[in-house]
């Protein structure tokens, strides 16, 4: 199994950047929201990770795995339809950005 040496396309880079911005903005907005009075984390999974002190590490791991899996899949599979896998990092990043907007609405 050989990986092709194709540089990432603009669409691929956009999907990865969307993923990264979504995660980072969610972290930042969550931190700001939780510093305010009467605002608590309602996601039990995130709360558990925060209490264990591994929330940031878990999100960084998820980003890394998402990018590596997408990047390698695009280079291993030679089918042109394989590019549809770019929907995954884009949608996840977009979802996390929507969560950011929700967090911001809590402290405005």
PDB file of N, CA and C in Angstrom:
ATOM      1  N   UNK A   1       0.854  -1.165   0.000  1.00  0.00           N
ATOM      2  CA  UNK A   1       0.000   0.000   0.000  1.00  0.00           C
ATOM      3  C   UNK A   1       0.901   1.228   0.000  1.00  0.00           C
ATOM      4  N   UNK A   2       0.779   2.030  -1.021  1.00  0.00           N
ATOM      5  CA  UNK A   2       1.628   3.202  -1.179  1.00  0.00           C
ATOM      6  C   UNK A   2       0.774   4.460  -1.162  1.00  0.00           C
ATOM      7  N   UNK A   3       1.223   5.453  -0.414  1.00  0.00           N
ATOM      8  CA  UNK A   3       0.514   6.728  -0.394  1.00  0.00           C
ATOM      9  C   UNK A   3       0.975   7.572  -1.573  1.00  0.00           C
ATOM     10  N   UNK A   4       0.032   8.213  -2.236  1.00  0.00           N
ATOM     11  CA  UNK A   4       0.427   9.101  -3.321  1.00  0.00           C
ATOM     12  C   UNK A   4       0.943  10.407  -2.728  1.00  0.00           C
ATOM     13  N   UNK A   5       1.828  11.042  -3.424  1.00  0.00           N
ATOM     14  CA  UNK A   5       2.443  12.276  -2.935  1.00  0.00           C
ATOM     15  C   UNK A   5       1.755  13.497  -3.530  1.00  0.00           C
ATOM     16  N   UNK A   6       0.488  13.566  -3.314  1.00  0.00           N
ATOM     17  CA  UNK A   6      -0.304  14.673  -3.824  1.00  0.00           C
ATOM     18  C   UNK A   6      -0.444  15.711  -2.714  1.00  0.00           C
ATOM     19  N   UNK A   7      -0.183  16.962  -3.059  1.00  0.00           N
ATOM     20  CA  UNK A   7      -0.352  18.015  -2.062  1.00  0.00           C
ATOM     21  C   UNK A   7      -1.848  18.229  -1.828  1.00  0.00           C
ATOM     22  N   UNK A   8      -2.208  18.625  -0.620  1.00  0.00           N
ATOM     23  CA  UNK A   8      -3.632  18.827  -0.326  1.00  0.00           C
ATOM     24  C   UNK A   8      -4.248  19.908  -1.212  1.00  0.00           C
ATOM     25  N   UNK A   9      -5.467  19.653  -1.658  1.00  0.00           N
ATOM     26  CA  UNK A   9      -6.183  20.641  -2.462  1.00  0.00           C
ATOM     27  C   UNK A   9      -6.707  21.751  -1.552  1.00  0.00           C
ATOM     28  N   UNK A  10      -7.184  22.812  -2.166  1.00  0.00           N
ATOM     29  CA  UNK A  10      -7.751  23.921  -1.388  1.00  0.00           C
ATOM     30  C   UNK A  10      -8.973  23.468  -0.599  1.00  0.00           C
ATOM     31  N   UNK A  11      -9.760  22.585  -1.187  1.00  0.00           N
ATOM     32  CA  UNK A  11     -10.953  22.070  -0.501  1.00  0.00           C
ATOM     33  C   UNK A  11     -10.540  21.250   0.721  1.00  0.00           C
ATOM     34  N   UNK A  12      -9.501  20.444   0.565  1.00  0.00           N
ATOM     35  CA  UNK A  12      -9.012  19.634   1.678  1.00  0.00           C
ATOM     36  C   UNK A  12      -8.483  20.518   2.802  1.00  0.00           C
ATOM     37  N   UNK A  13      -7.703  21.506   2.451  1.00  0.00           N
ATOM     38  CA  UNK A  13      -7.169  22.433   3.456  1.00  0.00           C
ATOM     39  C   UNK A  13      -8.320  23.171   4.143  1.00  0.00           C
ATOM     40  N   UNK A  14      -9.308  23.588   3.371  1.00  0.00           N
ATOM     41  CA  UNK A  14     -10.473  24.280   3.942  1.00  0.00           C
ATOM     42  C   UNK A  14     -11.194  23.392   4.953  1.00  0.00           C
ATOM     43  N   UNK A  15     -11.351  22.105   4.635  1.00  0.00           N
ATOM     44  CA  UNK A  15     -12.016  21.178   5.558  1.00  0.00           C
ATOM     45  C   UNK A  15     -11.217  21.043   6.851  1.00  0.00           C
ATOM     46  N   UNK A  16      -9.894  20.937   6.750  1.00  0.00           N
ATOM     47  CA  UNK A  16      -9.050  20.808   7.948  1.00  0.00           C
ATOM     48  C   UNK A  16      -9.060  22.100   8.775  1.00  0.00           C
ATOM     49  N   UNK A  17      -9.027  23.230   8.112  1.00  0.00           N
ATOM     50  CA  UNK A  17      -9.045  24.520   8.819  1.00  0.00           C
ATOM     51  C   UNK A  17     -10.393  24.709   9.512  1.00  0.00           C
ATOM     52  N   UNK A  18     -11.483  24.320   8.850  1.00  0.00           N
ATOM     53  CA  UNK A  18     -12.804  24.405   9.467  1.00  0.00           C
ATOM     54  C   UNK A  18     -12.856  23.544  10.723  1.00  0.00           C
ATOM     55  N   UNK A  19     -12.297  22.347  10.645  1.00  0.00           N
ATOM     56  CA  UNK A  19     -12.239  21.452  11.801  1.00  0.00           C
ATOM     57  C   UNK A  19     -11.451  22.098  12.939  1.00  0.00           C
ATOM     58  N   UNK A  20     -10.302  22.631  12.638  1.00  0.00           N
ATOM     59  CA  UNK A  20      -9.448  23.241  13.660  1.00  0.00           C
ATOM     60  C   UNK A  20     -10.097  24.479  14.278  1.00  0.00           C
ATOM     61  N   UNK A  21     -10.652  25.346  13.455  1.00  0.00           N
ATOM     62  CA  UNK A  21     -11.311  26.556  13.963  1.00  0.00           C
ATOM     63  C   UNK A  21     -12.516  26.188  14.825  1.00  0.00           C
ATOM     64  N   UNK A  22     -13.276  25.174  14.409  1.00  0.00           N
ATOM     65  CA  UNK A  22     -14.426  24.737  15.191  1.00  0.00           C
ATOM     66  C   UNK A  22     -14.014  24.270  16.578  1.00  0.00           C
ATOM     67  N   UNK A  23     -12.999  23.433  16.658  1.00  0.00           N
ATOM     68  CA  UNK A  23     -12.538  22.929  17.947  1.00  0.00           C
ATOM     69  C   UNK A  23     -11.966  24.051  18.816  1.00  0.00           C
ATOM     70  N   UNK A  24     -11.115  24.875  18.232  1.00  0.00           N
ATOM     71  CA  UNK A  24     -10.475  25.933  19.023  1.00  0.00           C
ATOM     72  C   UNK A  24     -11.482  26.969  19.517  1.00  0.00           C
ATOM     73  N   UNK A  25     -12.422  27.350  18.646  1.00  0.00           N
ATOM     74  CA  UNK A  25     -13.408  28.348  19.068  1.00  0.00           C
ATOM     75  C   UNK A  25     -14.337  27.780  20.135  1.00  0.00           C
ATOM     76  N   UNK A  26     -14.655  26.492  20.048  1.00  0.00           N
ATOM     77  CA  UNK A  26     -15.483  25.855  21.074  1.00  0.00           C
ATOM     78  C   UNK A  26     -14.746  25.852  22.410  1.00  0.00           C
ATOM     79  N   UNK A  27     -13.478  25.522  22.395  1.00  0.00           N
ATOM     80  CA  UNK A  27     -12.690  25.525  23.632  1.00  0.00           C
ATOM     81  C   UNK A  27     -12.630  26.918  24.248  1.00  0.00           C
ATOM     82  N   UNK A  28     -12.338  27.890  23.434  1.00  0.00           N
ATOM     83  CA  UNK A  28     -12.223  29.264  23.924  1.00  0.00           C
ATOM     84  C   UNK A  28     -13.556  29.756  24.483  1.00  0.00           C
ATOM     85  N   UNK A  29     -14.620  29.571  23.730  1.00  0.00           N
ATOM     86  CA  UNK A  29     -15.928  30.064  24.184  1.00  0.00           C
ATOM     87  C   UNK A  29     -16.425  29.302  25.411  1.00  0.00           C
ATOM     88  N   UNK A  30     -16.131  28.012  25.494  1.00  0.00           N
ATOM     89  CA  UNK A  30     -16.526  27.234  26.669  1.00  0.00           C
ATOM     90  C   UNK A  30     -15.785  27.738  27.903  1.00  0.00           C
ATOM     91  N   UNK A  31     -14.494  27.989  27.752  1.00  0.00           N
ATOM     92  CA  UNK A  31     -13.714  28.514  28.871  1.00  0.00           C
ATOM     93  C   UNK A  31     -14.233  29.855  29.357  1.00  0.00           C
ATOM     94  N   UNK A  32     -14.576  30.720  28.430  1.00  0.00           N
ATOM     95  CA  UNK A  32     -15.110  32.037  28.797  1.00  0.00           C
ATOM     96  C   UNK A  32     -16.476  31.885  29.456  1.00  0.00           C
ATOM     97  N   UNK A  33     -17.334  31.054  28.868  1.00  0.00           N
ATOM     98  CA  UNK A  33     -18.684  30.870  29.425  1.00  0.00           C
ATOM     99  C   UNK A  33     -18.627  30.288  30.831  1.00  0.00           C
ATOM    100  N   UNK A  34     -17.757  29.307  31.047  1.00  0.00           N
ATOM    101  CA  UNK A  34     -17.685  28.669  32.362  1.00  0.00           C
ATOM    102  C   UNK A  34     -17.084  29.579  33.427  1.00  0.00           C
ATOM    103  N   UNK A  35     -16.425  30.646  33.001  1.00  0.00           N
ATOM    104  CA  UNK A  35     -15.872  31.585  33.984  1.00  0.00           C
ATOM    105  C   UNK A  35     -16.949  32.550  34.507  1.00  0.00           C
ATOM    106  N   UNK A  36     -18.102  32.549  33.878  1.00  0.00           N
ATOM    107  CA  UNK A  36     -19.213  33.412  34.294  1.00  0.00           C
ATOM    108  C   UNK A  36     -20.044  32.722  35.374  1.00  0.00           C
ATOM    109  N   UNK A  37     -20.712  33.531  36.185  1.00  0.00           N
ATOM    110  CA  UNK A  37     -21.587  32.986  37.223  1.00  0.00           C
ATOM    111  C   UNK A  37     -22.794  32.292  36.614  1.00  0.00           C
ATOM    112  N   UNK A  38     -23.254  31.270  37.273  1.00  0.00           N
ATOM    113  CA  UNK A  38     -24.481  30.560  36.929  1.00  0.00           C
ATOM    114  C   UNK A  38     -24.444  29.846  35.577  1.00  0.00           C
ATOM    115  N   UNK A  39     -23.287  29.633  35.011  1.00  0.00           N
ATOM    116  CA  UNK A  39     -23.188  28.868  33.771  1.00  0.00           C
ATOM    117  C   UNK A  39     -22.403  27.600  34.088  1.00  0.00           C
ATOM    118  N   UNK A  40     -23.000  26.472  33.753  1.00  0.00           N
ATOM    119  CA  UNK A  40     -22.354  25.182  34.002  1.00  0.00           C
ATOM    120  C   UNK A  40     -22.273  24.394  32.705  1.00  0.00           C
ATOM    121  N   UNK A  41     -21.391  23.413  32.667  1.00  0.00           N
ATOM    122  CA  UNK A  41     -21.270  22.535  31.505  1.00  0.00           C
ATOM    123  C   UNK A  41     -22.405  21.522  31.568  1.00  0.00           C
ATOM    124  N   UNK A  42     -23.220  21.461  30.514  1.00  0.00           N
ATOM    125  CA  UNK A  42     -24.361  20.548  30.505  1.00  0.00           C
ATOM    126  C   UNK A  42     -24.070  19.242  29.777  1.00  0.00           C
ATOM    127  N   UNK A  43     -22.953  19.172  29.062  1.00  0.00           N
ATOM    128  CA  UNK A  43     -22.577  17.947  28.359  1.00  0.00           C
ATOM    129  C   UNK A  43     -21.848  17.035  29.351  1.00  0.00           C
ATOM    130  N   UNK A  44     -22.449  15.888  29.711  1.00  0.00           N
ATOM    131  CA  UNK A  44     -21.826  15.027  30.719  1.00  0.00           C
ATOM    132  C   UNK A  44     -20.463  14.467  30.295  1.00  0.00           C
ATOM    133  N   UNK A  45     -20.287  14.224  29.006  1.00  0.00           N
ATOM    134  CA  UNK A  45     -18.996  13.712  28.531  1.00  0.00           C
ATOM    135  C   UNK A  45     -17.926  14.790  28.679  1.00  0.00           C
ATOM    136  N   UNK A  46     -18.218  15.995  28.214  1.00  0.00           N
ATOM    137  CA  UNK A  46     -17.258  17.096  28.340  1.00  0.00           C
ATOM    138  C   UNK A  46     -16.971  17.397  29.806  1.00  0.00           C
ATOM    139  N   UNK A  47     -18.002  17.365  30.635  1.00  0.00           N
ATOM    140  CA  UNK A  47     -17.826  17.621  32.063  1.00  0.00           C
ATOM    141  C   UNK A  47     -16.903  16.582  32.693  1.00  0.00           C
ATOM    142  N   UNK A  48     -17.104  15.327  32.356  1.00  0.00           N
ATOM    143  CA  UNK A  48     -16.252  14.256  32.883  1.00  0.00           C
ATOM    144  C   UNK A  48     -14.798  14.445  32.441  1.00  0.00           C
ATOM    145  N   UNK A  49     -14.612  14.782  31.176  1.00  0.00           N
ATOM    146  CA  UNK A  49     -13.249  15.018  30.670  1.00  0.00           C
ATOM    147  C   UNK A  49     -12.609  16.220  31.355  1.00  0.00           C
ATOM    148  N   UNK A  50     -13.395  17.260  31.593  1.00  0.00           N
ATOM    149  CA  UNK A  50     -12.886  18.455  32.276  1.00  0.00           C
ATOM    150  C   UNK A  50     -12.483  18.121  33.707  1.00  0.00           C
ATOM    151  N   UNK A  51     -13.314  17.342  34.404  1.00  0.00           N
ATOM    152  CA  UNK A  51     -13.018  16.984  35.782  1.00  0.00           C
ATOM    153  C   UNK A  51     -11.754  16.134  35.888  1.00  0.00           C
ATOM    154  N   UNK A  52     -11.498  15.329  34.864  1.00  0.00           N
ATOM    155  CA  UNK A  52     -10.292  14.494  34.844  1.00  0.00           C
ATOM    156  C   UNK A  52      -9.073  15.251  34.313  1.00  0.00           C
ATOM    157  N   UNK A  53      -9.300  16.451  33.801  1.00  0.00           N
ATOM    158  CA  UNK A  53      -8.207  17.267  33.273  1.00  0.00           C
ATOM    159  C   UNK A  53      -7.687  16.815  31.914  1.00  0.00           C
ATOM    160  N   UNK A  54      -8.529  16.117  31.158  1.00  0.00           N
ATOM    161  CA  UNK A  54      -8.081  15.602  29.859  1.00  0.00           C
ATOM    162  C   UNK A  54      -8.949  16.086  28.693  1.00  0.00           C
ATOM    163  N   UNK A  55      -9.712  17.133  28.926  1.00  0.00           N
ATOM    164  CA  UNK A  55     -10.600  17.639  27.875  1.00  0.00           C
ATOM    165  C   UNK A  55      -9.806  18.164  26.681  1.00  0.00           C
ATOM    166  N   UNK A  56      -8.805  18.989  26.933  1.00  0.00           N
ATOM    167  CA  UNK A  56      -7.986  19.539  25.854  1.00  0.00           C
ATOM    168  C   UNK A  56      -7.234  18.428  25.120  1.00  0.00           C
ATOM    169  N   UNK A  57      -6.630  17.510  25.861  1.00  0.00           N
ATOM    170  CA  UNK A  57      -5.881  16.421  25.235  1.00  0.00           C
ATOM    171  C   UNK A  57      -6.790  15.546  24.367  1.00  0.00           C
ATOM    172  N   UNK A  58      -7.998  15.295  24.846  1.00  0.00           N
ATOM    173  CA  UNK A  58      -8.939  14.481  24.082  1.00  0.00           C
ATOM    174  C   UNK A  58      -9.329  15.175  22.790  1.00  0.00           C
ATOM    175  N   UNK A  59      -9.607  16.467  22.858  1.00  0.00           N
ATOM    176  CA  UNK A  59      -9.962  17.200  21.640  1.00  0.00           C
ATOM    177  C   UNK A  59      -8.779  17.267  20.672  1.00  0.00           C
ATOM    178  N   UNK A  60      -7.578  17.472  21.178  1.00  0.00           N
ATOM    179  CA  UNK A  60      -6.405  17.487  20.297  1.00  0.00           C
ATOM    180  C   UNK A  60      -6.220  16.128  19.628  1.00  0.00           C
ATOM    181  N   UNK A  61      -6.438  15.068  20.387  1.00  0.00           N
ATOM    182  CA  UNK A  61      -6.353  13.714  19.833  1.00  0.00           C
ATOM    183  C   UNK A  61      -7.403  13.516  18.737  1.00  0.00           C
ATOM    184  N   UNK A  62      -8.633  13.969  18.982  1.00  0.00           N
ATOM    185  CA  UNK A  62      -9.702  13.829  17.992  1.00  0.00           C
ATOM    186  C   UNK A  62      -9.386  14.608  16.709  1.00  0.00           C
ATOM    187  N   UNK A  63      -8.811  15.801  16.856  1.00  0.00           N
ATOM    188  CA  UNK A  63      -8.409  16.584  15.683  1.00  0.00           C
ATOM    189  C   UNK A  63      -7.356  15.822  14.900  1.00  0.00           C
ATOM    190  N   UNK A  64      -6.340  15.349  15.595  1.00  0.00           N
ATOM    191  CA  UNK A  64      -5.234  14.638  14.959  1.00  0.00           C
ATOM    192  C   UNK A  64      -5.729  13.385  14.227  1.00  0.00           C
ATOM    193  N   UNK A  65      -6.544  12.591  14.883  1.00  0.00           N
ATOM    194  CA  UNK A  65      -7.065  11.369  14.264  1.00  0.00           C
ATOM    195  C   UNK A  65      -7.942  11.706  13.058  1.00  0.00           C
ATOM    196  N   UNK A  66      -8.764  12.726  13.174  1.00  0.00           N
ATOM    197  CA  UNK A  66      -9.637  13.120  12.062  1.00  0.00           C
ATOM    198  C   UNK A  66      -8.836  13.549  10.843  1.00  0.00           C
ATOM    199  N   UNK A  67      -7.825  14.359  11.070  1.00  0.00           N
ATOM    200  CA  UNK A  67      -7.007  14.841   9.948  1.00  0.00           C
ATOM    201  C   UNK A  67      -6.200  13.694   9.341  1.00  0.00           C
ATOM    202  N   UNK A  68      -5.567  12.885  10.176  1.00  0.00           N
ATOM    203  CA  UNK A  68      -4.748  11.782   9.656  1.00  0.00           C
ATOM    204  C   UNK A  68      -5.612  10.774   8.902  1.00  0.00           C
ATOM    205  N   UNK A  69      -6.760  10.403   9.454  1.00  0.00           N
ATOM    206  CA  UNK A  69      -7.628   9.426   8.792  1.00  0.00           C
ATOM    207  C   UNK A  69      -8.122   9.946   7.444  1.00  0.00           C
ATOM    208  N   UNK A  70      -8.527  11.199   7.413  1.00  0.00           N
ATOM    209  CA  UNK A  70      -9.000  11.787   6.159  1.00  0.00           C
ATOM    210  C   UNK A  70      -7.861  11.907   5.154  1.00  0.00           C
ATOM    211  N   UNK A  71      -6.729  12.431   5.603  1.00  0.00           N
ATOM    212  CA  UNK A  71      -5.569  12.628   4.743  1.00  0.00           C
ATOM    213  C   UNK A  71      -5.117  11.309   4.121  1.00  0.00           C
ATOM    214  N   UNK A  72      -4.990  10.274   4.955  1.00  0.00           N
ATOM    215  CA  UNK A  72      -4.514   8.979   4.450  1.00  0.00           C
ATOM    216  C   UNK A  72      -5.552   8.318   3.553  1.00  0.00           C
ATOM    217  N   UNK A  73      -6.818   8.426   3.909  1.00  0.00           N
ATOM    218  CA  UNK A  73      -7.876   7.824   3.087  1.00  0.00           C
ATOM    219  C   UNK A  73      -7.883   8.415   1.688  1.00  0.00           C
ATOM    220  N   UNK A  74      -7.689   9.711   1.611  1.00  0.00           N
ATOM    221  CA  UNK A  74      -7.688  10.364   0.295  1.00  0.00           C
ATOM    222  C   UNK A  74      -6.514   9.914  -0.569  1.00  0.00           C
ATOM    223  N   UNK A  75      -5.438   9.507   0.066  1.00  0.00           N
ATOM    224  CA  UNK A  75      -4.255   9.122  -0.694  1.00  0.00           C
ATOM    225  C   UNK A  75      -4.164   7.625  -0.956  1.00  0.00           C
ATOM    226  N   UNK A  76      -4.871   6.832  -0.189  1.00  0.00           N
ATOM    227  CA  UNK A  76      -4.854   5.385  -0.394  1.00  0.00           C
ATOM    228  C   UNK A  76      -5.906   4.975  -1.426  1.00  0.00           C
ATOM    229  N   UNK A  77      -7.102   5.519  -1.285  1.00  0.00           N
ATOM    230  CA  UNK A  77      -8.206   5.159  -2.174  1.00  0.00           C
ATOM    231  C   UNK A  77      -8.083   5.970  -3.457  1.00  0.00           C
ATOM    232  N   UNK A  78      -8.075   5.287  -4.567  1.00  0.00           N
ATOM    233  CA  UNK A  78      -7.888   5.967  -5.862  1.00  0.00           C
ATOM    234  C   UNK A  78      -9.198   6.347  -6.546  1.00  0.00           C
ATOM    235  N   UNK A  79     -10.309   6.102  -5.895  1.00  0.00           N
ATOM    236  CA  UNK A  79     -11.614   6.422  -6.455  1.00  0.00           C
ATOM    237  C   UNK A  79     -11.874   7.927  -6.311  1.00  0.00           C
ATOM    238  N   UNK A  80     -12.292   8.609  -7.377  1.00  0.00           N
ATOM    239  CA  UNK A  80     -12.580  10.051  -7.280  1.00  0.00           C
ATOM    240  C   UNK A  80     -13.672  10.384  -6.259  1.00  0.00           C
ATOM    241  N   UNK A  81     -14.562   9.446  -5.993  1.00  0.00           N
ATOM    242  CA  UNK A  81     -15.620   9.676  -5.015  1.00  0.00           C
ATOM    243  C   UNK A  81     -15.086   9.676  -3.578  1.00  0.00           C
ATOM    244  N   UNK A  82     -13.838   9.273  -3.401  1.00  0.00           N
ATOM    245  CA  UNK A  82     -13.243   9.250  -2.062  1.00  0.00           C
ATOM    246  C   UNK A  82     -13.160  10.649  -1.465  1.00  0.00           C
ATOM    247  N   UNK A  83     -13.172  11.662  -2.309  1.00  0.00           N
ATOM    248  CA  UNK A  83     -13.097  13.042  -1.811  1.00  0.00           C
ATOM    249  C   UNK A  83     -14.313  13.424  -0.972  1.00  0.00           C
ATOM    250  N   UNK A  84     -15.380  12.634  -1.068  1.00  0.00           N
ATOM    251  CA  UNK A  84     -16.550  12.918  -0.239  1.00  0.00           C
ATOM    252  C   UNK A  84     -16.243  12.753   1.246  1.00  0.00           C
ATOM    253  N   UNK A  85     -15.145  12.084   1.573  1.00  0.00           N
ATOM    254  CA  UNK A  85     -14.758  11.936   2.974  1.00  0.00           C
ATOM    255  C   UNK A  85     -14.408  13.295   3.598  1.00  0.00           C
ATOM    256  N   UNK A  86     -14.146  14.292   2.770  1.00  0.00           N
ATOM    257  CA  UNK A  86     -13.856  15.635   3.277  1.00  0.00           C
ATOM    258  C   UNK A  86     -15.070  16.261   3.955  1.00  0.00           C
ATOM    259  N   UNK A  87     -16.223  15.676   3.738  1.00  0.00           N
ATOM    260  CA  UNK A  87     -17.428  16.156   4.421  1.00  0.00           C
ATOM    261  C   UNK A  87     -17.268  15.967   5.932  1.00  0.00           C
ATOM    262  N   UNK A  88     -16.602  14.891   6.341  1.00  0.00           N
ATOM    263  CA  UNK A  88     -16.449  14.587   7.764  1.00  0.00           C
ATOM    264  C   UNK A  88     -15.759  15.708   8.547  1.00  0.00           C
ATOM    265  N   UNK A  89     -14.523  16.099   8.214  1.00  0.00           N
ATOM    266  CA  UNK A  89     -13.899  17.164   9.010  1.00  0.00           C
ATOM    267  C   UNK A  89     -14.638  18.496   8.889  1.00  0.00           C
ATOM    268  N   UNK A  90     -15.220  18.758   7.720  1.00  0.00           N
ATOM    269  CA  UNK A  90     -15.946  20.008   7.539  1.00  0.00           C
ATOM    270  C   UNK A  90     -17.184  20.061   8.431  1.00  0.00           C
ATOM    271  N   UNK A  91     -17.978  18.985   8.445  1.00  0.00           N
ATOM    272  CA  UNK A  91     -19.214  18.961   9.237  1.00  0.00           C
ATOM    273  C   UNK A  91     -18.896  18.984  10.731  1.00  0.00           C
ATOM    274  N   UNK A  92     -17.879  18.255  11.153  1.00  0.00           N
ATOM    275  CA  UNK A  92     -17.501  18.259  12.570  1.00  0.00           C
ATOM    276  C   UNK A  92     -17.049  19.662  12.987  1.00  0.00           C
ATOM    277  N   UNK A  93     -16.224  20.300  12.169  1.00  0.00           N
ATOM    278  CA  UNK A  93     -15.784  21.662  12.466  1.00  0.00           C
ATOM    279  C   UNK A  93     -16.941  22.638  12.485  1.00  0.00           C
ATOM    280  N   UNK A  94     -17.855  22.484  11.555  1.00  0.00           N
ATOM    281  CA  UNK A  94     -19.028  23.350  11.497  1.00  0.00           C
ATOM    282  C   UNK A  94     -19.913  23.155  12.722  1.00  0.00           C
ATOM    283  N   UNK A  95     -20.096  21.904  13.125  1.00  0.00           N
ATOM    284  CA  UNK A  95     -20.886  21.618  14.321  1.00  0.00           C
ATOM    285  C   UNK A  95     -20.253  22.267  15.555  1.00  0.00           C
ATOM    286  N   UNK A  96     -18.944  22.149  15.681  1.00  0.00           N
ATOM    287  CA  UNK A  96     -18.269  22.746  16.843  1.00  0.00           C
ATOM    288  C   UNK A  96     -18.348  24.271  16.792  1.00  0.00           C
ATOM    289  N   UNK A  97     -18.388  24.839  15.602  1.00  0.00           N
ATOM    290  CA  UNK A  97     -18.538  26.289  15.490  1.00  0.00           C
ATOM    291  C   UNK A  97     -19.948  26.714  15.905  1.00  0.00           C
ATOM    292  N   UNK A  98     -20.949  25.907  15.584  1.00  0.00           N
ATOM    293  CA  UNK A  98     -22.317  26.192  16.026  1.00  0.00           C
ATOM    294  C   UNK A  98     -22.381  26.132  17.553  1.00  0.00           C
ATOM    295  N   UNK A  99     -21.683  25.187  18.155  1.00  0.00           N
ATOM    296  CA  UNK A  99     -21.600  25.109  19.613  1.00  0.00           C
ATOM    297  C   UNK A  99     -20.948  26.381  20.156  1.00  0.00           C
ATOM    298  N   UNK A 100     -19.958  26.888  19.451  1.00  0.00           N
ATOM    299  CA  UNK A 100     -19.316  28.148  19.843  1.00  0.00           C
ATOM    300  C   UNK A 100     -20.339  29.276  19.879  1.00  0.00           C
ATOM    301  N   UNK A 101     -21.161  29.364  18.849  1.00  0.00           N
ATOM    302  CA  UNK A 101     -22.186  30.409  18.809  1.00  0.00           C
ATOM    303  C   UNK A 101     -23.160  30.272  19.975  1.00  0.00           C
ATOM    304  N   UNK A 102     -23.501  29.023  20.331  1.00  0.00           N
ATOM    305  CA  UNK A 102     -24.365  28.794  21.481  1.00  0.00           C
ATOM    306  C   UNK A 102     -23.670  29.279  22.754  1.00  0.00           C
ATOM    307  N   UNK A 103     -22.392  28.929  22.925  1.00  0.00           N
ATOM    308  CA  UNK A 103     -21.642  29.360  24.102  1.00  0.00           C
ATOM    309  C   UNK A 103     -21.584  30.888  24.202  1.00  0.00           C
ATOM    310  N   UNK A 104     -21.337  31.520  23.088  1.00  0.00           N
ATOM    311  CA  UNK A 104     -21.260  32.984  23.073  1.00  0.00           C
ATOM    312  C   UNK A 104     -22.605  33.589  23.459  1.00  0.00           C
ATOM    313  N   UNK A 105     -23.683  32.972  22.995  1.00  0.00           N
ATOM    314  CA  UNK A 105     -25.009  33.500  23.339  1.00  0.00           C
ATOM    315  C   UNK A 105     -25.270  33.415  24.847  1.00  0.00           C
ATOM    316  N   UNK A 106     -24.595  32.533  25.533  1.00  0.00           N
ATOM    317  CA  UNK A 106     -24.778  32.383  26.971  1.00  0.00           C
ATOM    318  C   UNK A 106     -24.154  33.531  27.771  1.00  0.00           C
ATOM    319  N   UNK A 107     -23.061  34.074  27.262  1.00  0.00           N
ATOM    320  CA  UNK A 107     -22.393  35.117  28.048  1.00  0.00           C
ATOM    321  C   UNK A 107     -22.477  36.499  27.453  1.00  0.00           C
ATOM    322  N   UNK A 108     -23.286  36.684  26.435  1.00  0.00           N
ATOM    323  CA  UNK A 108     -23.499  38.039  25.893  1.00  0.00           C
ATOM    324  C   UNK A 108     -24.681  38.671  26.591  1.00  0.00           C
TER     325      UNK A 108
END
